[in-house]
N, C-alpha and C. Protein backbone atom coordinates (compact mmCIF):
# COMPACT_ATOMS: atom_id res chain seq x y z
N PRO A 1 -11.13 -14.81 -9.51
CA PRO A 1 -10.36 -16.00 -9.87
C PRO A 1 -9.74 -15.89 -11.25
N ASP A 2 -8.64 -16.56 -11.43
CA ASP A 2 -7.94 -16.57 -12.71
C ASP A 2 -7.75 -18.01 -13.15
N PRO A 3 -8.67 -18.55 -13.95
CA PRO A 3 -8.58 -19.95 -14.36
C PRO A 3 -7.58 -20.22 -15.48
N SER A 4 -6.88 -19.21 -15.96
CA SER A 4 -5.99 -19.41 -17.10
C SER A 4 -4.87 -20.41 -16.82
N ARG A 5 -4.53 -20.62 -15.55
CA ARG A 5 -3.50 -21.60 -15.20
C ARG A 5 -4.09 -22.99 -14.97
N LEU A 6 -5.42 -23.09 -14.94
CA LEU A 6 -6.07 -24.34 -14.56
C LEU A 6 -6.66 -25.14 -15.72
N VAL A 7 -6.97 -24.47 -16.82
CA VAL A 7 -7.62 -25.15 -17.94
C VAL A 7 -6.90 -24.80 -19.25
N PRO A 8 -7.13 -25.60 -20.30
CA PRO A 8 -6.54 -25.26 -21.60
C PRO A 8 -7.06 -23.90 -22.08
N GLN A 9 -6.32 -23.25 -22.94
CA GLN A 9 -6.65 -21.90 -23.40
C GLN A 9 -8.08 -21.81 -23.95
N TRP A 10 -8.54 -22.81 -24.67
CA TRP A 10 -9.88 -22.76 -25.26
C TRP A 10 -10.98 -22.77 -24.20
N GLY A 11 -10.69 -23.19 -22.97
CA GLY A 11 -11.71 -23.27 -21.92
C GLY A 11 -11.66 -22.14 -20.91
N VAL A 12 -10.77 -21.17 -21.10
CA VAL A 12 -10.60 -20.11 -20.11
C VAL A 12 -11.88 -19.29 -19.93
N GLY A 13 -12.53 -18.92 -21.00
CA GLY A 13 -13.75 -18.11 -20.91
C GLY A 13 -14.85 -18.82 -20.13
N LEU A 14 -15.05 -20.08 -20.43
CA LEU A 14 -16.07 -20.87 -19.74
C LEU A 14 -15.71 -21.04 -18.26
N ALA A 15 -14.45 -21.35 -18.00
CA ALA A 15 -14.00 -21.53 -16.62
C ALA A 15 -14.11 -20.21 -15.84
N ARG A 16 -13.78 -19.11 -16.47
CA ARG A 16 -13.86 -17.81 -15.79
C ARG A 16 -15.32 -17.52 -15.43
N SER A 17 -16.24 -17.80 -16.34
CA SER A 17 -17.65 -17.59 -16.05
C SER A 17 -18.10 -18.42 -14.86
N PHE A 18 -17.66 -19.67 -14.82
CA PHE A 18 -18.03 -20.55 -13.71
C PHE A 18 -17.38 -20.11 -12.41
N PHE A 19 -16.06 -19.93 -12.42
CA PHE A 19 -15.35 -19.57 -11.20
C PHE A 19 -15.79 -18.23 -10.64
N CYS A 20 -15.93 -17.24 -11.48
CA CYS A 20 -16.31 -15.91 -10.99
C CYS A 20 -17.69 -15.93 -10.34
N GLY A 21 -18.56 -16.75 -10.86
CA GLY A 21 -19.90 -16.84 -10.29
C GLY A 21 -19.97 -17.62 -9.00
N HIS A 22 -19.04 -18.54 -8.80
CA HIS A 22 -19.12 -19.44 -7.65
C HIS A 22 -18.00 -19.26 -6.63
N ALA A 23 -17.00 -18.51 -6.94
CA ALA A 23 -15.86 -18.35 -6.04
C ALA A 23 -16.22 -17.46 -4.86
N PRO A 24 -15.70 -17.79 -3.69
CA PRO A 24 -15.94 -16.93 -2.52
C PRO A 24 -15.39 -15.53 -2.75
N LYS A 25 -16.11 -14.55 -2.26
CA LYS A 25 -15.69 -13.15 -2.40
C LYS A 25 -14.99 -12.64 -1.15
N VAL A 26 -15.07 -13.41 -0.05
CA VAL A 26 -14.51 -12.99 1.23
C VAL A 26 -13.66 -14.12 1.79
N ALA A 27 -12.53 -13.77 2.37
CA ALA A 27 -11.67 -14.74 3.05
C ALA A 27 -11.47 -14.25 4.48
N HIS A 28 -11.66 -15.15 5.43
CA HIS A 28 -11.50 -14.81 6.84
C HIS A 28 -10.08 -15.16 7.29
N VAL A 29 -9.41 -14.19 7.84
CA VAL A 29 -8.07 -14.36 8.38
C VAL A 29 -8.16 -14.05 9.87
N SER A 30 -7.62 -14.92 10.69
CA SER A 30 -7.69 -14.68 12.14
C SER A 30 -6.38 -15.08 12.80
N ALA A 31 -6.19 -14.57 14.00
CA ALA A 31 -5.00 -14.88 14.78
C ALA A 31 -5.43 -15.36 16.16
N LEU A 32 -4.68 -16.30 16.68
CA LEU A 32 -4.94 -16.86 18.00
C LEU A 32 -3.68 -16.75 18.83
N SER A 33 -3.83 -16.20 20.02
CA SER A 33 -2.69 -16.05 20.91
C SER A 33 -2.84 -17.04 22.07
N LEU A 34 -1.83 -17.88 22.24
CA LEU A 34 -1.76 -18.83 23.35
C LEU A 34 -0.51 -18.50 24.14
N GLY A 35 -0.66 -17.59 25.09
CA GLY A 35 0.52 -17.09 25.79
C GLY A 35 1.39 -16.34 24.79
N PRO A 36 2.67 -16.68 24.71
CA PRO A 36 3.55 -16.00 23.76
C PRO A 36 3.42 -16.51 22.32
N LEU A 37 2.73 -17.63 22.14
CA LEU A 37 2.58 -18.23 20.81
C LEU A 37 1.41 -17.60 20.06
N VAL A 38 1.67 -17.08 18.86
CA VAL A 38 0.62 -16.51 18.02
C VAL A 38 0.54 -17.34 16.74
N LEU A 39 -0.69 -17.81 16.44
CA LEU A 39 -0.93 -18.59 15.23
C LEU A 39 -1.83 -17.78 14.30
N LEU A 40 -1.55 -17.82 13.01
CA LEU A 40 -2.36 -17.13 12.01
C LEU A 40 -3.15 -18.19 11.25
N ALA A 41 -4.46 -18.05 11.22
CA ALA A 41 -5.34 -19.01 10.54
C ALA A 41 -5.82 -18.42 9.22
N ILE A 42 -5.61 -19.18 8.13
CA ILE A 42 -5.97 -18.70 6.79
C ILE A 42 -6.69 -19.80 6.00
N PRO A 43 -7.56 -19.44 5.05
CA PRO A 43 -8.32 -20.44 4.29
C PRO A 43 -7.65 -20.87 2.98
N VAL A 44 -6.34 -20.87 2.94
CA VAL A 44 -5.60 -21.26 1.74
C VAL A 44 -4.47 -22.21 2.13
N GLU A 45 -3.91 -22.86 1.12
CA GLU A 45 -2.70 -23.64 1.33
C GLU A 45 -1.53 -22.72 1.02
N ALA A 46 -0.86 -22.29 2.07
CA ALA A 46 0.25 -21.35 1.91
C ALA A 46 1.53 -22.10 1.57
N THR A 47 2.23 -21.62 0.58
CA THR A 47 3.55 -22.17 0.28
C THR A 47 4.55 -21.60 1.28
N PHE A 48 5.75 -22.12 1.27
CA PHE A 48 6.77 -21.67 2.22
C PHE A 48 6.97 -20.16 2.13
N GLY A 49 7.13 -19.66 0.92
CA GLY A 49 7.38 -18.22 0.74
C GLY A 49 6.21 -17.36 1.16
N SER A 50 5.00 -17.77 0.82
CA SER A 50 3.84 -16.97 1.21
C SER A 50 3.61 -17.05 2.71
N ALA A 51 3.85 -18.20 3.32
CA ALA A 51 3.70 -18.32 4.77
C ALA A 51 4.68 -17.40 5.50
N GLN A 52 5.91 -17.32 5.00
CA GLN A 52 6.90 -16.43 5.63
C GLN A 52 6.43 -14.98 5.59
N ARG A 53 5.88 -14.56 4.46
CA ARG A 53 5.41 -13.17 4.34
C ARG A 53 4.23 -12.92 5.29
N LEU A 54 3.34 -13.88 5.39
CA LEU A 54 2.19 -13.74 6.27
C LEU A 54 2.61 -13.72 7.74
N GLU A 55 3.58 -14.54 8.09
CA GLU A 55 4.09 -14.55 9.46
C GLU A 55 4.73 -13.21 9.82
N ARG A 56 5.52 -12.67 8.89
CA ARG A 56 6.17 -11.37 9.14
C ARG A 56 5.12 -10.27 9.31
N ALA A 57 4.09 -10.28 8.47
CA ALA A 57 3.07 -9.23 8.51
C ALA A 57 2.25 -9.29 9.79
N SER A 58 2.02 -10.47 10.31
CA SER A 58 1.14 -10.64 11.46
C SER A 58 1.88 -10.73 12.79
N GLY A 59 3.17 -11.05 12.73
CA GLY A 59 3.90 -11.31 13.95
C GLY A 59 3.65 -12.71 14.49
N ALA A 60 2.98 -13.54 13.69
CA ALA A 60 2.66 -14.91 14.12
C ALA A 60 3.89 -15.81 14.05
N ARG A 61 3.90 -16.79 14.90
CA ARG A 61 4.99 -17.78 14.90
C ARG A 61 4.79 -18.77 13.76
N ARG A 62 3.53 -19.13 13.50
CA ARG A 62 3.22 -20.10 12.45
C ARG A 62 1.91 -19.75 11.76
N VAL A 63 1.79 -20.19 10.52
CA VAL A 63 0.55 -20.08 9.75
C VAL A 63 -0.12 -21.45 9.78
N VAL A 64 -1.42 -21.44 10.05
CA VAL A 64 -2.22 -22.66 10.01
C VAL A 64 -3.12 -22.56 8.78
N SER A 65 -2.91 -23.43 7.82
CA SER A 65 -3.66 -23.39 6.56
C SER A 65 -4.99 -24.13 6.65
N LEU A 66 -5.86 -23.83 5.70
CA LEU A 66 -7.14 -24.51 5.51
C LEU A 66 -8.10 -24.31 6.68
N VAL A 67 -8.13 -23.11 7.23
CA VAL A 67 -9.04 -22.78 8.31
C VAL A 67 -10.15 -21.88 7.75
N ASN A 68 -11.38 -22.17 8.04
CA ASN A 68 -12.55 -21.40 7.59
C ASN A 68 -12.72 -21.40 6.08
N GLY A 69 -12.49 -22.54 5.45
CA GLY A 69 -12.74 -22.64 4.02
C GLY A 69 -11.53 -23.10 3.23
N TYR A 70 -11.70 -23.12 1.92
CA TYR A 70 -10.61 -23.51 1.03
C TYR A 70 -10.64 -22.64 -0.21
N LEU A 71 -9.60 -21.85 -0.39
CA LEU A 71 -9.48 -20.98 -1.56
C LEU A 71 -8.31 -21.37 -2.44
N GLY A 72 -7.81 -22.58 -2.27
CA GLY A 72 -6.71 -23.06 -3.10
C GLY A 72 -5.35 -22.67 -2.54
N TYR A 73 -4.37 -22.74 -3.39
CA TYR A 73 -2.99 -22.39 -3.02
C TYR A 73 -2.80 -20.88 -3.09
N VAL A 74 -1.83 -20.40 -2.32
CA VAL A 74 -1.39 -19.02 -2.48
C VAL A 74 0.14 -19.05 -2.54
N GLU A 75 0.63 -18.49 -3.62
CA GLU A 75 2.07 -18.46 -3.90
C GLU A 75 2.51 -17.01 -3.94
N VAL A 76 3.79 -16.76 -3.79
CA VAL A 76 4.29 -15.38 -3.86
C VAL A 76 4.09 -14.86 -5.29
N PRO A 77 3.79 -13.56 -5.44
CA PRO A 77 3.49 -13.00 -6.76
C PRO A 77 4.57 -13.23 -7.81
N GLU A 78 5.85 -13.20 -7.40
CA GLU A 78 6.93 -13.41 -8.37
C GLU A 78 6.83 -14.81 -8.99
N TRP A 79 6.45 -15.78 -8.18
CA TRP A 79 6.34 -17.14 -8.69
C TRP A 79 5.06 -17.33 -9.50
N VAL A 80 4.01 -16.59 -9.15
CA VAL A 80 2.78 -16.65 -9.96
C VAL A 80 3.09 -16.12 -11.36
N ALA A 81 3.79 -14.99 -11.43
CA ALA A 81 4.13 -14.40 -12.72
C ALA A 81 5.01 -15.32 -13.55
N ALA A 82 5.88 -16.08 -12.89
CA ALA A 82 6.79 -16.98 -13.60
C ALA A 82 6.25 -18.40 -13.72
N ALA A 83 5.03 -18.63 -13.23
CA ALA A 83 4.40 -19.96 -13.26
C ALA A 83 5.27 -21.02 -12.59
N LYS A 84 5.83 -20.67 -11.44
CA LYS A 84 6.68 -21.60 -10.68
C LYS A 84 5.93 -22.10 -9.46
N GLY A 85 6.48 -23.12 -8.81
CA GLY A 85 5.91 -23.64 -7.57
C GLY A 85 4.47 -24.07 -7.74
N GLU A 86 3.64 -23.66 -6.81
CA GLU A 86 2.22 -24.03 -6.84
C GLU A 86 1.38 -23.02 -7.62
N ALA A 87 2.01 -22.10 -8.31
CA ALA A 87 1.28 -21.07 -9.06
C ALA A 87 0.34 -21.68 -10.08
N LYS A 88 0.71 -22.82 -10.64
CA LYS A 88 -0.15 -23.47 -11.64
C LYS A 88 -1.47 -23.95 -11.04
N ARG A 89 -1.50 -24.10 -9.73
CA ARG A 89 -2.69 -24.59 -9.05
C ARG A 89 -3.43 -23.49 -8.28
N GLN A 90 -2.92 -22.28 -8.34
CA GLN A 90 -3.52 -21.16 -7.61
C GLN A 90 -4.74 -20.66 -8.36
N TYR A 91 -5.88 -20.59 -7.69
CA TYR A 91 -7.14 -20.17 -8.31
C TYR A 91 -7.21 -18.66 -8.56
N TYR A 92 -6.62 -17.89 -7.66
CA TYR A 92 -6.74 -16.43 -7.71
C TYR A 92 -5.46 -15.80 -8.27
N GLU A 93 -5.57 -14.53 -8.61
CA GLU A 93 -4.44 -13.79 -9.16
C GLU A 93 -3.32 -13.67 -8.13
N GLY A 94 -2.18 -13.19 -8.59
CA GLY A 94 -1.04 -12.98 -7.71
C GLY A 94 -1.31 -11.99 -6.59
N SER A 95 -2.31 -11.15 -6.76
CA SER A 95 -2.66 -10.16 -5.73
C SER A 95 -3.33 -10.79 -4.51
N MET A 96 -3.65 -12.07 -4.58
CA MET A 96 -4.29 -12.75 -3.45
C MET A 96 -3.42 -12.66 -2.19
N LEU A 97 -2.12 -12.83 -2.35
CA LEU A 97 -1.23 -12.76 -1.20
C LEU A 97 -1.24 -11.37 -0.58
N GLU A 98 -1.31 -10.33 -1.41
CA GLU A 98 -1.37 -8.96 -0.88
C GLU A 98 -2.60 -8.77 -0.01
N ALA A 99 -3.73 -9.26 -0.46
CA ALA A 99 -4.97 -9.13 0.31
C ALA A 99 -4.89 -9.91 1.62
N LEU A 100 -4.35 -11.13 1.56
CA LEU A 100 -4.19 -11.92 2.78
C LEU A 100 -3.19 -11.28 3.74
N THR A 101 -2.15 -10.67 3.20
CA THR A 101 -1.15 -10.00 4.03
C THR A 101 -1.77 -8.84 4.78
N ALA A 102 -2.63 -8.08 4.12
CA ALA A 102 -3.32 -6.96 4.79
C ALA A 102 -4.19 -7.50 5.93
N GLY A 103 -4.90 -8.59 5.68
CA GLY A 103 -5.71 -9.21 6.72
C GLY A 103 -4.86 -9.76 7.85
N ALA A 104 -3.73 -10.34 7.50
CA ALA A 104 -2.81 -10.90 8.51
C ALA A 104 -2.28 -9.79 9.41
N GLN A 105 -1.96 -8.65 8.83
CA GLN A 105 -1.44 -7.54 9.62
C GLN A 105 -2.51 -7.05 10.60
N LEU A 106 -3.75 -6.93 10.14
CA LEU A 106 -4.85 -6.51 11.03
C LEU A 106 -5.08 -7.52 12.14
N ALA A 107 -5.05 -8.80 11.80
CA ALA A 107 -5.25 -9.85 12.81
C ALA A 107 -4.13 -9.82 13.84
N GLY A 108 -2.90 -9.65 13.38
CA GLY A 108 -1.77 -9.56 14.30
C GLY A 108 -1.85 -8.36 15.22
N GLU A 109 -2.28 -7.23 14.68
CA GLU A 109 -2.42 -6.03 15.49
C GLU A 109 -3.51 -6.20 16.55
N ALA A 110 -4.60 -6.87 16.17
CA ALA A 110 -5.70 -7.10 17.11
C ALA A 110 -5.25 -7.99 18.27
N VAL A 111 -4.47 -9.00 17.98
CA VAL A 111 -3.97 -9.90 19.03
C VAL A 111 -2.96 -9.18 19.90
N ALA A 112 -2.11 -8.38 19.32
CA ALA A 112 -1.08 -7.67 20.08
C ALA A 112 -1.70 -6.62 21.01
N ALA A 113 -2.86 -6.09 20.64
CA ALA A 113 -3.50 -5.06 21.44
C ALA A 113 -4.16 -5.61 22.71
N ARG A 114 -4.30 -6.91 22.80
CA ARG A 114 -4.96 -7.51 23.97
C ARG A 114 -4.02 -7.74 25.10
């Protein structure tokens, strides 16, 4: 987790100690196929841009957010770096989307193989 966007500068060290100790280390990404419709289930609130990337990676028609937990918002890395959109509320680093994208691709491949 990266609390630097969530608390004042003087509290970053304390927040990092708390978040790192209590933040989930694993995120479950899954896909569900209902005939031709494929849904991707993720434990984050995906912004429009991040949802598009996840849909492309998985082949899913839609992303369903807040499934199997809550890990906060996920924004595209460019917006995290520029502190735009929901990046100010994102708990994890900009690399969070990359990790979710890898999981989305595996979930999509598993559904396509059936």
